[in-house]
Structures are given as C-alpha cells and as structure tokens.
Amino acid sequence: KKKGYRLPAVIPMVLYNGEFKWTASKQFRELIKSNELFGNYIADFE
C-alpha cells in the first residue's frame, strides 16, 4: 500500500537454435492490432 512499493524487474531472454532466421517480433506491442494508433497507452516490452 506504500507509495514506494515496486515490483521487481523481469528480464525475458530466449535462446533459439533453429536453422531458419528468427523473424518473429521481439516487441510485444507488435502483436496488438493497429498498435500504431495507441502510442504509449498499450503494454509493451522487448
């Protein structure tokens, strides 16, 4: 309940060993339809 309460950082890392180039998006916002319309008002991480 305190103003200074904070959640810990969570850093996601992916190790990929496939033969094909990784082309999947690394940013969450790119999974959101029409994300360009909403600026900073949608969740995002890389």
All heavy atoms as atom14 arrays in JSON, in Angstrom:
{
  "sequence": "KKKGYRLPAVIPMVLYNGEFKWTASKQFRELIKSNELFGNYIADFE",
  "atom14_mask": [
    [1, 1, 1, 1, 1, 1, 1, 1, 1, 0, 0, 0, 0, 0],
    [1, 1, 1, 1, 1, 1, 1, 1, 1, 0, 0, 0, 0, 0],
    [1, 1, 1, 1, 1, 1, 1, 1, 1, 0, 0, 0, 0, 0],
    [1, 1, 1, 1, 0, 0, 0, 0, 0, 0, 0, 0, 0, 0],
    [1, 1, 1, 1, 1, 1, 1, 1, 1, 1, 1, 1, 0, 0],
    [1, 1, 1, 1, 1, 1, 1, 1, 1, 1, 1, 0, 0, 0],
    [1, 1, 1, 1, 1, 1, 1, 1, 0, 0, 0, 0, 0, 0],
    [1, 1, 1, 1, 1, 1, 1, 0, 0, 0, 0, 0, 0, 0],
    [1, 1, 1, 1, 1, 0, 0, 0, 0, 0, 0, 0, 0, 0],
    [1, 1, 1, 1, 1, 1, 1, 0, 0, 0, 0, 0, 0, 0],
    [1, 1, 1, 1, 1, 1, 1, 1, 0, 0, 0, 0, 0, 0],
    [1, 1, 1, 1, 1, 1, 1, 0, 0, 0, 0, 0, 0, 0],
    [1, 1, 1, 1, 1, 1, 1, 1, 0, 0, 0, 0, 0, 0],
    [1, 1, 1, 1, 1, 1, 1, 0, 0, 0, 0, 0, 0, 0],
    [1, 1, 1, 1, 1, 1, 1, 1, 0, 0, 0, 0, 0, 0],
    [1, 1, 1, 1, 1, 1, 1, 1, 1, 1, 1, 1, 0, 0],
    [1, 1, 1, 1, 1, 1, 1, 1, 0, 0, 0, 0, 0, 0],
    [1, 1, 1, 1, 0, 0, 0, 0, 0, 0, 0, 0, 0, 0],
    [1, 1, 1, 1, 1, 1, 1, 1, 1, 0, 0, 0, 0, 0],
    [1, 1, 1, 1, 1, 1, 1, 1, 1, 1, 1, 0, 0, 0],
    [1, 1, 1, 1, 1, 1, 1, 1, 1, 0, 0, 0, 0, 0],
    [1, 1, 1, 1, 1, 1, 1, 1, 1, 1, 1, 1, 1, 1],
    [1, 1, 1, 1, 1, 1, 1, 0, 0, 0, 0, 0, 0, 0],
    [1, 1, 1, 1, 1, 0, 0, 0, 0, 0, 0, 0, 0, 0],
    [1, 1, 1, 1, 1, 1, 0, 0, 0, 0, 0, 0, 0, 0],
    [1, 1, 1, 1, 1, 1, 1, 1, 1, 0, 0, 0, 0, 0],
    [1, 1, 1, 1, 1, 1, 1, 1, 1, 0, 0, 0, 0, 0],
    [1, 1, 1, 1, 1, 1, 1, 1, 1, 1, 1, 0, 0, 0],
    [1, 1, 1, 1, 1, 1, 1, 1, 1, 1, 1, 0, 0, 0],
    [1, 1, 1, 1, 1, 1, 1, 1, 1, 0, 0, 0, 0, 0],
    [1, 1, 1, 1, 1, 1, 1, 1, 0, 0, 0, 0, 0, 0],
    [1, 1, 1, 1, 1, 1, 1, 1, 0, 0, 0, 0, 0, 0],
    [1, 1, 1, 1, 1, 1, 1, 1, 1, 0, 0, 0, 0, 0],
    [1, 1, 1, 1, 1, 1, 0, 0, 0, 0, 0, 0, 0, 0],
    [1, 1, 1, 1, 1, 1, 1, 1, 0, 0, 0, 0, 0, 0],
    [1, 1, 1, 1, 1, 1, 1, 1, 1, 0, 0, 0, 0, 0],
    [1, 1, 1, 1, 1, 1, 1, 1, 0, 0, 0, 0, 0, 0],
    [1, 1, 1, 1, 1, 1, 1, 1, 1, 1, 1, 0, 0, 0],
    [1, 1, 1, 1, 0, 0, 0, 0, 0, 0, 0, 0, 0, 0],
    [1, 1, 1, 1, 1, 1, 1, 1, 0, 0, 0, 0, 0, 0],
    [1, 1, 1, 1, 1, 1, 1, 1, 1, 1, 1, 1, 0, 0],
    [1, 1, 1, 1, 1, 1, 1, 1, 0, 0, 0, 0, 0, 0],
    [1, 1, 1, 1, 1, 0, 0, 0, 0, 0, 0, 0, 0, 0],
    [1, 1, 1, 1, 1, 1, 1, 1, 0, 0, 0, 0, 0, 0],
    [1, 1, 1, 1, 1, 1, 1, 1, 1, 1, 1, 0, 0, 0],
    [1, 1, 1, 1, 1, 1, 1, 1, 1, 0, 0, 0, 0, 0]
  ],
  "atom14_positions": [
    [[0.81, -1.22, 0.0], [0.0, 0.0, 0.0], [0.85, 1.27, 0.0], [0.32, 2.37, -0.2], [-0.94, 0.0, 1.21], [-1.99, -1.09, 1.17], [-2.85, -1.08, 2.43], [-3.91, -2.18, 2.39], [-4.72, -2.21, 3.63], [0.0, 0.0, 0.0], [0.0, 0.0, 0.0], [0.0, 0.0, 0.0], [0.0, 0.0, 0.0], [0.0, 0.0, 0.0]],
    [[2.14, 1.12, 0.23], [3.01, 2.3, 0.32], [3.33, 2.86, -1.06], [3.43, 2.1, -2.04], [4.3, 1.94, 1.06], [4.08, 1.6, 2.53], [5.4, 1.26, 3.21], [5.19, 0.95, 4.68], [6.46, 0.59, 5.37], [0.0, 0.0, 0.0], [0.0, 0.0, 0.0], [0.0, 0.0, 0.0], [0.0, 0.0, 0.0], [0.0, 0.0, 0.0]],
    [[3.54, 4.15, -1.11], [3.83, 4.83, -2.38], [5.1, 4.28, -3.01], [5.21, 4.2, -4.24], [3.96, 6.33, -2.13], [4.22, 7.13, -3.39], [4.28, 8.62, -3.07], [4.54, 9.43, -4.33], [4.6, 10.89, -4.06], [0.0, 0.0, 0.0], [0.0, 0.0, 0.0], [0.0, 0.0, 0.0], [0.0, 0.0, 0.0], [0.0, 0.0, 0.0]],
    [[6.06, 3.9, -2.19], [7.35, 3.46, -2.71], [7.42, 1.99, -3.08], [8.48, 1.5, -3.49], [0.0, 0.0, 0.0], [0.0, 0.0, 0.0], [0.0, 0.0, 0.0], [0.0, 0.0, 0.0], [0.0, 0.0, 0.0], [0.0, 0.0, 0.0], [0.0, 0.0, 0.0], [0.0, 0.0, 0.0], [0.0, 0.0, 0.0], [0.0, 0.0, 0.0]],
    [[6.29, 1.26, -2.98], [6.3, -0.16, -3.32], [6.57, -0.35, -4.8], [5.98, 0.32, -5.66], [4.96, -0.8, -2.95], [4.85, -2.26, -3.34], [5.47, -3.25, -2.57], [4.15, -2.65, -4.49], [5.38, -4.59, -2.93], [4.06, -3.99, -4.84], [4.67, -4.95, -4.06], [4.59, -6.28, -4.43], [0.0, 0.0, 0.0], [0.0, 0.0, 0.0]],
    [[7.47, -1.27, -5.13], [7.81, -1.52, -6.52], [7.87, -3.03, -6.79], [8.25, -3.82, -5.93], [9.18, -0.93, -6.87], [9.26, 0.59, -6.79], [8.45, 1.24, -7.9], [8.61, 2.68, -7.91], [7.86, 3.54, -7.22], [6.88, 3.07, -6.44], [8.07, 4.83, -7.28], [0.0, 0.0, 0.0], [0.0, 0.0, 0.0], [0.0, 0.0, 0.0]],
    [[7.5, -3.4, -8.01], [7.67, -4.78, -8.46], [9.1, -4.97, -8.96], [9.74, -4.02, -9.4], [6.69, -5.09, -9.59], [5.2, -5.08, -9.24], [4.38, -5.18, -10.54], [4.86, -6.23, -8.3], [0.0, 0.0, 0.0], [0.0, 0.0, 0.0], [0.0, 0.0, 0.0], [0.0, 0.0, 0.0], [0.0, 0.0, 0.0], [0.0, 0.0, 0.0]],
    [[9.6, -6.19, -8.92], [10.95, -6.43, -9.43], [10.95, -6.43, -10.96], [9.94, -6.71, -11.6], [11.29, -7.82, -8.89], [9.96, -8.5, -8.79], [8.98, -7.42, -8.38], [0.0, 0.0, 0.0], [0.0, 0.0, 0.0], [0.0, 0.0, 0.0], [0.0, 0.0, 0.0], [0.0, 0.0, 0.0], [0.0, 0.0, 0.0], [0.0, 0.0, 0.0]],
    [[12.1, -6.12, -11.53], [12.25, -6.23, -12.98], [12.26, -7.71, -13.37], [12.78, -8.55, -12.64], [13.55, -5.57, -13.43], [0.0, 0.0, 0.0], [0.0, 0.0, 0.0], [0.0, 0.0, 0.0], [0.0, 0.0, 0.0], [0.0, 0.0, 0.0], [0.0, 0.0, 0.0], [0.0, 0.0, 0.0], [0.0, 0.0, 0.0], [0.0, 0.0, 0.0]],
    [[11.64, -8.02, -14.5], [11.69, -9.36, -15.07], [12.27, -9.22, -16.48], [11.69, -8.55, -17.33], [10.31, -10.04, -15.14], [10.42, -11.43, -15.75], [9.68, -10.11, -13.75], [0.0, 0.0, 0.0], [0.0, 0.0, 0.0], [0.0, 0.0, 0.0], [0.0, 0.0, 0.0], [0.0, 0.0, 0.0], [0.0, 0.0, 0.0], [0.0, 0.0, 0.0]],
    [[13.42, -9.84, -16.71], [14.11, -9.72, -18.0], [13.94, -11.03, -18.77], [14.49, -12.06, -18.39], [15.62, -9.44, -17.81], [15.83, -8.27, -16.85], [16.28, -9.2, -19.16], [15.3, -6.95, -17.36], [0.0, 0.0, 0.0], [0.0, 0.0, 0.0], [0.0, 0.0, 0.0], [0.0, 0.0, 0.0], [0.0, 0.0, 0.0], [0.0, 0.0, 0.0]],
    [[13.16, -11.02, -19.85], [12.96, -12.25, -20.64], [14.08, -12.44, -21.67], [14.44, -11.51, -22.4], [11.62, -12.02, -21.32], [11.52, -10.53, -21.46], [12.31, -9.92, -20.35], [0.0, 0.0, 0.0], [0.0, 0.0, 0.0], [0.0, 0.0, 0.0], [0.0, 0.0, 0.0], [0.0, 0.0, 0.0], [0.0, 0.0, 0.0], [0.0, 0.0, 0.0]],
    [[14.62, -13.66, -21.73], [15.68, -13.99, -22.68], [15.29, -15.29, -23.39], [14.78, -16.21, -22.76], [17.02, -14.18, -21.97], [17.52, -12.93, -21.25], [19.1, -13.21, -20.41], [18.58, -14.28, -19.07], [0.0, 0.0, 0.0], [0.0, 0.0, 0.0], [0.0, 0.0, 0.0], [0.0, 0.0, 0.0], [0.0, 0.0, 0.0], [0.0, 0.0, 0.0]],
    [[15.57, -15.36, -24.68], [15.24, -16.53, -25.48], [16.49, -17.01, -26.2], [17.14, -16.24, -26.91], [14.14, -16.21, -26.52], [13.89, -17.41, -27.42], [12.85, -15.77, -25.83], [0.0, 0.0, 0.0], [0.0, 0.0, 0.0], [0.0, 0.0, 0.0], [0.0, 0.0, 0.0], [0.0, 0.0, 0.0], [0.0, 0.0, 0.0], [0.0, 0.0, 0.0]],
    [[16.82, -18.3, -26.02], [17.9, -18.93, -26.77], [17.28, -19.78, -27.86], [16.53, -20.72, -27.58], [18.77, -19.79, -25.86], [19.86, -20.63, -26.56], [20.88, -19.73, -27.25], [20.56, -21.56, -25.57], [0.0, 0.0, 0.0], [0.0, 0.0, 0.0], [0.0, 0.0, 0.0], [0.0, 0.0, 0.0], [0.0, 0.0, 0.0], [0.0, 0.0, 0.0]],
    [[17.57, -19.45, -29.12], [16.98, -20.13, -30.28], [18.09, -20.84, -31.06], [19.11, -20.23, -31.39], [16.27, -19.1, -31.15], [15.83, -19.59, -32.51], [14.87, -20.59, -32.62], [16.34, -19.05, -33.68], [14.45, -21.04, -33.88], [15.92, -19.47, -34.93], [14.97, -20.47, -35.02], [14.55, -20.91, -36.26], [0.0, 0.0, 0.0], [0.0, 0.0, 0.0]],
    [[17.9, -22.14, -31.36], [18.95, -22.87, -32.08], [18.48, -23.39, -33.44], [19.11, -24.26, -34.02], [19.49, -24.02, -31.23], [18.55, -25.22, -31.22], [17.34, -25.09, -31.46], [19.09, -26.39, -30.94], [0.0, 0.0, 0.0], [0.0, 0.0, 0.0], [0.0, 0.0, 0.0], [0.0, 0.0, 0.0], [0.0, 0.0, 0.0], [0.0, 0.0, 0.0]],
    [[17.38, -22.85, -33.95], [16.84, -23.33, -35.22], [17.69, -22.91, -36.41], [18.53, -22.01, -36.33], [0.0, 0.0, 0.0], [0.0, 0.0, 0.0], [0.0, 0.0, 0.0], [0.0, 0.0, 0.0], [0.0, 0.0, 0.0], [0.0, 0.0, 0.0], [0.0, 0.0, 0.0], [0.0, 0.0, 0.0], [0.0, 0.0, 0.0], [0.0, 0.0, 0.0]],
    [[17.46, -23.58, -37.54], [18.23, -23.32, -38.75], [17.77, -22.05, -39.47], [18.53, -21.44, -40.21], [18.1, -24.5, -39.72], [18.64, -25.8, -39.16], [18.34, -26.97, -40.09], [18.67, -26.85, -41.29], [17.77, -27.97, -39.63], [0.0, 0.0, 0.0], [0.0, 0.0, 0.0], [0.0, 0.0, 0.0], [0.0, 0.0, 0.0], [0.0, 0.0, 0.0]],
    [[16.5, -21.66, -39.29], [15.97, -20.51, -40.0], [16.18, -19.24, -39.21], [16.21, -19.24, -37.98], [14.47, -20.71, -40.27], [14.17, -21.96, -41.02], [13.52, -23.02, -40.4], [14.55, -22.1, -42.35], [13.24, -24.18, -41.08], [14.28, -23.26, -43.04], [13.63, -24.31, -42.41], [0.0, 0.0, 0.0], [0.0, 0.0, 0.0], [0.0, 0.0, 0.0]],
    [[16.32, -18.13, -39.92], [16.47, -16.83, -39.28], [15.25, -16.54, -38.42], [14.12, -16.8, -38.83], [16.65, -15.74, -40.34], [16.88, -14.35, -39.76], [17.09, -13.35, -40.89], [17.21, -11.93, -40.36], [18.38, -11.77, -39.46], [0.0, 0.0, 0.0], [0.0, 0.0, 0.0], [0.0, 0.0, 0.0], [0.0, 0.0, 0.0], [0.0, 0.0, 0.0]],
    [[15.47, -15.99, -37.23], [14.36, -15.64, -36.35], [13.71, -14.37, -36.86], [14.33, -13.3, -36.88], [14.86, -15.44, -34.92], [13.76, -15.21, -33.92], [13.31, -14.02, -33.45], [12.96, -16.2, -33.28], [12.28, -14.2, -32.56], [12.04, -15.54, -32.44], [12.93, -17.6, -33.34], [11.11, -16.22, -31.65], [12.0, -18.28, -32.55], [11.11, -17.59, -31.72]],
    [[12.46, -14.47, -37.31], [11.76, -13.31, -37.86], [10.56, -12.91, -37.01], [9.89, -11.93, -37.33], [11.29, -13.59, -39.29], [10.45, -14.76, -39.29], [12.47, -13.82, -40.22], [0.0, 0.0, 0.0], [0.0, 0.0, 0.0], [0.0, 0.0, 0.0], [0.0, 0.0, 0.0], [0.0, 0.0, 0.0], [0.0, 0.0, 0.0], [0.0, 0.0, 0.0]],
    [[10.28, -13.66, -35.95], [9.17, -13.29, -35.06], [9.49, -11.98, -34.36], [10.66, -11.67, -34.08], [8.94, -14.4, -34.03], [0.0, 0.0, 0.0], [0.0, 0.0, 0.0], [0.0, 0.0, 0.0], [0.0, 0.0, 0.0], [0.0, 0.0, 0.0], [0.0, 0.0, 0.0], [0.0, 0.0, 0.0], [0.0, 0.0, 0.0], [0.0, 0.0, 0.0]],
    [[8.47, -11.2, -34.09], [8.68, -9.92, -33.43], [9.27, -10.11, -32.04], [8.91, -11.04, -31.32], [7.34, -9.18, -33.31], [7.49, -8.01, -32.52], [0.0, 0.0, 0.0], [0.0, 0.0, 0.0], [0.0, 0.0, 0.0], [0.0, 0.0, 0.0], [0.0, 0.0, 0.0], [0.0, 0.0, 0.0], [0.0, 0.0, 0.0], [0.0, 0.0, 0.0]],
    [[10.16, -9.19, -31.67], [10.72, -9.21, -30.32], [10.0, -8.22, -29.4], [10.27, -8.18, -28.21], [12.22, -8.88, -30.36], [13.05, -9.97, -31.03], [14.54, -9.78, -30.8], [15.07, -8.62, -31.6], [16.54, -8.48, -31.47], [0.0, 0.0, 0.0], [0.0, 0.0, 0.0], [0.0, 0.0, 0.0], [0.0, 0.0, 0.0], [0.0, 0.0, 0.0]],
    [[9.1, -7.44, -29.96], [8.35, -6.47, -29.16], [6.9, -6.91, -29.0], [6.25, -7.3, -29.98], [8.38, -5.09, -29.81], [9.73, -4.39, -29.67], [9.64, -2.95, -30.1], [9.42, -2.68, -31.27], [9.81, -2.04, -29.18], [0.0, 0.0, 0.0], [0.0, 0.0, 0.0], [0.0, 0.0, 0.0], [0.0, 0.0, 0.0], [0.0, 0.0, 0.0]],
    [[6.39, -6.8, -27.78], [5.03, -7.23, -27.52], [4.01, -6.39, -28.28], [3.02, -6.92, -28.8], [4.73, -7.18, -26.03], [3.33, -7.61, -25.7], [3.0, -8.95, -25.68], [2.33, -6.67, -25.44], [1.7, -9.37, -25.4], [1.04, -7.08, -25.16], [0.72, -8.42, -25.13], [0.0, 0.0, 0.0], [0.0, 0.0, 0.0], [0.0, 0.0, 0.0]],
    [[4.23, -5.08, -28.37], [3.22, -4.2, -28.98], [2.92, -4.59, -30.43], [1.83, -4.32, -30.94], [3.65, -2.74, -28.89], [4.83, -2.35, -29.75], [5.15, -0.85, -29.65], [4.07, -0.05, -30.19], [3.36, 0.83, -29.46], [3.61, 1.01, -28.18], [2.4, 1.53, -30.02], [0.0, 0.0, 0.0], [0.0, 0.0, 0.0], [0.0, 0.0, 0.0]],
    [[3.87, -5.24, -31.1], [3.65, -5.61, -32.5], [2.64, -6.76, -32.63], [2.23, -7.09, -33.74], [4.98, -5.96, -33.16], [5.89, -4.75, -33.31], [7.16, -5.05, -34.05], [7.26, -6.12, -34.68], [8.08, -4.21, -34.0], [0.0, 0.0, 0.0], [0.0, 0.0, 0.0], [0.0, 0.0, 0.0], [0.0, 0.0, 0.0], [0.0, 0.0, 0.0]],
    [[2.26, -7.36, -31.5], [1.23, -8.38, -31.51], [-0.17, -7.78, -31.37], [-1.17, -8.48, -31.48], [1.48, -9.37, -30.35], [1.45, -10.87, -30.68], [2.44, -11.19, -31.78], [1.76, -11.68, -29.44], [0.0, 0.0, 0.0], [0.0, 0.0, 0.0], [0.0, 0.0, 0.0], [0.0, 0.0, 0.0], [0.0, 0.0, 0.0], [0.0, 0.0, 0.0]],
    [[-0.23, -6.47, -31.11], [-1.5, -5.78, -30.91], [-1.99, -5.19, -32.24], [-1.25, -4.51, -32.93], [-1.36, -4.64, -29.88], [-0.78, -5.16, -28.56], [-2.7, -3.94, -29.65], [-1.66, -6.14, -27.84], [0.0, 0.0, 0.0], [0.0, 0.0, 0.0], [0.0, 0.0, 0.0], [0.0, 0.0, 0.0], [0.0, 0.0, 0.0], [0.0, 0.0, 0.0]],
    [[-3.24, -5.47, -32.59], [-3.8, -4.93, -33.82], [-3.81, -3.41, -33.79], [-4.16, -2.81, -32.77], [-5.23, -5.44, -34.03], [-5.33, -6.91, -34.37], [-6.78, -7.33, -34.56], [-6.89, -8.81, -34.9], [-8.3, -9.23, -35.04], [0.0, 0.0, 0.0], [0.0, 0.0, 0.0], [0.0, 0.0, 0.0], [0.0, 0.0, 0.0], [0.0, 0.0, 0.0]],
    [[-3.44, -2.8, -34.9], [-3.45, -1.33, -35.04], [-2.69, -0.65, -33.91], [-3.09, 0.42, -33.44], [-4.9, -0.82, -35.11], [-5.62, -1.44, -36.14], [0.0, 0.0, 0.0], [0.0, 0.0, 0.0], [0.0, 0.0, 0.0], [0.0, 0.0, 0.0], [0.0, 0.0, 0.0], [0.0, 0.0, 0.0], [0.0, 0.0, 0.0], [0.0, 0.0, 0.0]],
    [[-1.59, -1.26, -33.48], [-0.87, -0.72, -32.32], [-0.39, 0.71, -32.54], [-0.21, 1.46, -31.58], [0.31, -1.63, -31.96], [1.38, -1.66, -33.04], [2.2, -0.75, -33.17], [1.38, -2.74, -33.83], [0.0, 0.0, 0.0], [0.0, 0.0, 0.0], [0.0, 0.0, 0.0], [0.0, 0.0, 0.0], [0.0, 0.0, 0.0], [0.0, 0.0, 0.0]],
    [[-0.17, 1.09, -33.81], [0.35, 2.43, -34.09], [-0.64, 3.53, -33.7], [-0.26, 4.7, -33.54], [0.72, 2.56, -35.57], [-0.43, 2.5, -36.55], [-0.89, 1.07, -36.86], [-0.29, 0.12, -36.32], [-1.87, 0.92, -37.63], [0.0, 0.0, 0.0], [0.0, 0.0, 0.0], [0.0, 0.0, 0.0], [0.0, 0.0, 0.0], [0.0, 0.0, 0.0]],
    [[-1.9, 3.16, -33.53], [-2.92, 4.15, -33.17], [-2.86, 4.55, -31.71], [-3.36, 5.62, -31.34], [-4.32, 3.59, -33.46], [-4.67, 3.25, -34.91], [-6.07, 2.66, -34.97], [-4.58, 4.5, -35.79], [0.0, 0.0, 0.0], [0.0, 0.0, 0.0], [0.0, 0.0, 0.0], [0.0, 0.0, 0.0], [0.0, 0.0, 0.0], [0.0, 0.0, 0.0]],
    [[-2.26, 3.72, -30.88], [-2.45, 3.88, -29.45], [-1.23, 4.4, -28.69], [-1.27, 4.54, -27.47], [-2.91, 2.55, -28.85], [-4.07, 1.94, -29.6], [-3.94, 0.73, -30.24], [-5.28, 2.63, -29.7], [-5.0, 0.18, -30.95], [-6.34, 2.09, -30.41], [-6.21, 0.87, -31.04], [0.0, 0.0, 0.0], [0.0, 0.0, 0.0], [0.0, 0.0, 0.0]],
    [[-0.16, 4.66, -29.4], [1.01, 5.26, -28.76], [1.51, 4.48, -27.57], [1.68, 3.26, -27.63], [0.0, 0.0, 0.0], [0.0, 0.0, 0.0], [0.0, 0.0, 0.0], [0.0, 0.0, 0.0], [0.0, 0.0, 0.0], [0.0, 0.0, 0.0], [0.0, 0.0, 0.0], [0.0, 0.0, 0.0], [0.0, 0.0, 0.0], [0.0, 0.0, 0.0]],
    [[1.72, 5.19, -26.47], [2.25, 4.58, -25.25], [1.16, 4.02, -24.34], [1.46, 3.59, -23.22], [3.07, 5.62, -24.45], [4.31, 6.05, -25.2], [4.9, 5.26, -25.94], [4.69, 7.3, -25.03], [0.0, 0.0, 0.0], [0.0, 0.0, 0.0], [0.0, 0.0, 0.0], [0.0, 0.0, 0.0], [0.0, 0.0, 0.0], [0.0, 0.0, 0.0]],
    [[-0.07, 3.97, -24.82], [-1.17, 3.56, -23.96], [-1.47, 2.07, -24.05], [-2.54, 1.62, -23.61], [-2.42, 4.39, -24.28], [-2.19, 5.85, -24.03], [-2.06, 6.75, -25.09], [-2.07, 6.34, -22.73], [-1.83, 8.09, -24.87], [-1.83, 7.68, -22.49], [-1.7, 8.55, -23.56], [-1.46, 9.88, -23.32], [0.0, 0.0, 0.0], [0.0, 0.0, 0.0]],
    [[-0.58, 1.31, -24.61], [-0.72, -0.15, -24.6], [0.54, -0.77, -24.01], [1.61, -0.16, -24.01], [-0.96, -0.71, -26.04], [0.13, -0.25, -27.0], [-2.33, -0.33, -26.54], [0.03, -0.86, -28.39], [0.0, 0.0, 0.0], [0.0, 0.0, 0.0], [0.0, 0.0, 0.0], [0.0, 0.0, 0.0], [0.0, 0.0, 0.0], [0.0, 0.0, 0.0]],
    [[0.39, -1.97, -23.48], [1.51, -2.67, -22.85], [2.6, -2.97, -23.89], [2.3, -3.24, -25.06], [1.03, -3.97, -22.22], [0.0, 0.0, 0.0], [0.0, 0.0, 0.0], [0.0, 0.0, 0.0], [0.0, 0.0, 0.0], [0.0, 0.0, 0.0], [0.0, 0.0, 0.0], [0.0, 0.0, 0.0], [0.0, 0.0, 0.0], [0.0, 0.0, 0.0]],
    [[3.85, -2.92, -23.45], [4.94, -3.23, -24.36], [6.18, -3.66, -23.58], [6.38, -3.24, -22.44], [5.29, -2.01, -25.23], [6.21, -2.38, -26.39], [6.19, -3.56, -26.8], [6.91, -1.49, -26.88], [0.0, 0.0, 0.0], [0.0, 0.0, 0.0], [0.0, 0.0, 0.0], [0.0, 0.0, 0.0], [0.0, 0.0, 0.0], [0.0, 0.0, 0.0]],
    [[6.97, -4.53, -24.18], [8.3, -4.89, -23.7], [9.03, -5.54, -24.86], [8.43, -5.89, -25.87], [8.23, -5.85, -22.49], [7.7, -7.22, -22.83], [8.53, -8.24, -23.26], [6.33, -7.5, -22.71], [8.03, -9.5, -23.58], [5.82, -8.75, -23.03], [6.67, -9.75, -23.47], [0.0, 0.0, 0.0], [0.0, 0.0, 0.0], [0.0, 0.0, 0.0]],
    [[10.33, -5.69, -24.72], [11.13, -6.37, -25.74], [11.96, -7.44, -25.05], [12.5, -7.2, -23.96], [12.05, -5.38, -26.45], [12.86, -6.0, -27.58], [13.61, -4.97, -28.41], [13.24, -3.79, -28.37], [14.58, -5.36, -29.1], [0.0, 0.0, 0.0], [0.0, 0.0, 0.0], [0.0, 0.0, 0.0], [0.0, 0.0, 0.0], [0.0, 0.0, 0.0]]
  ]
}
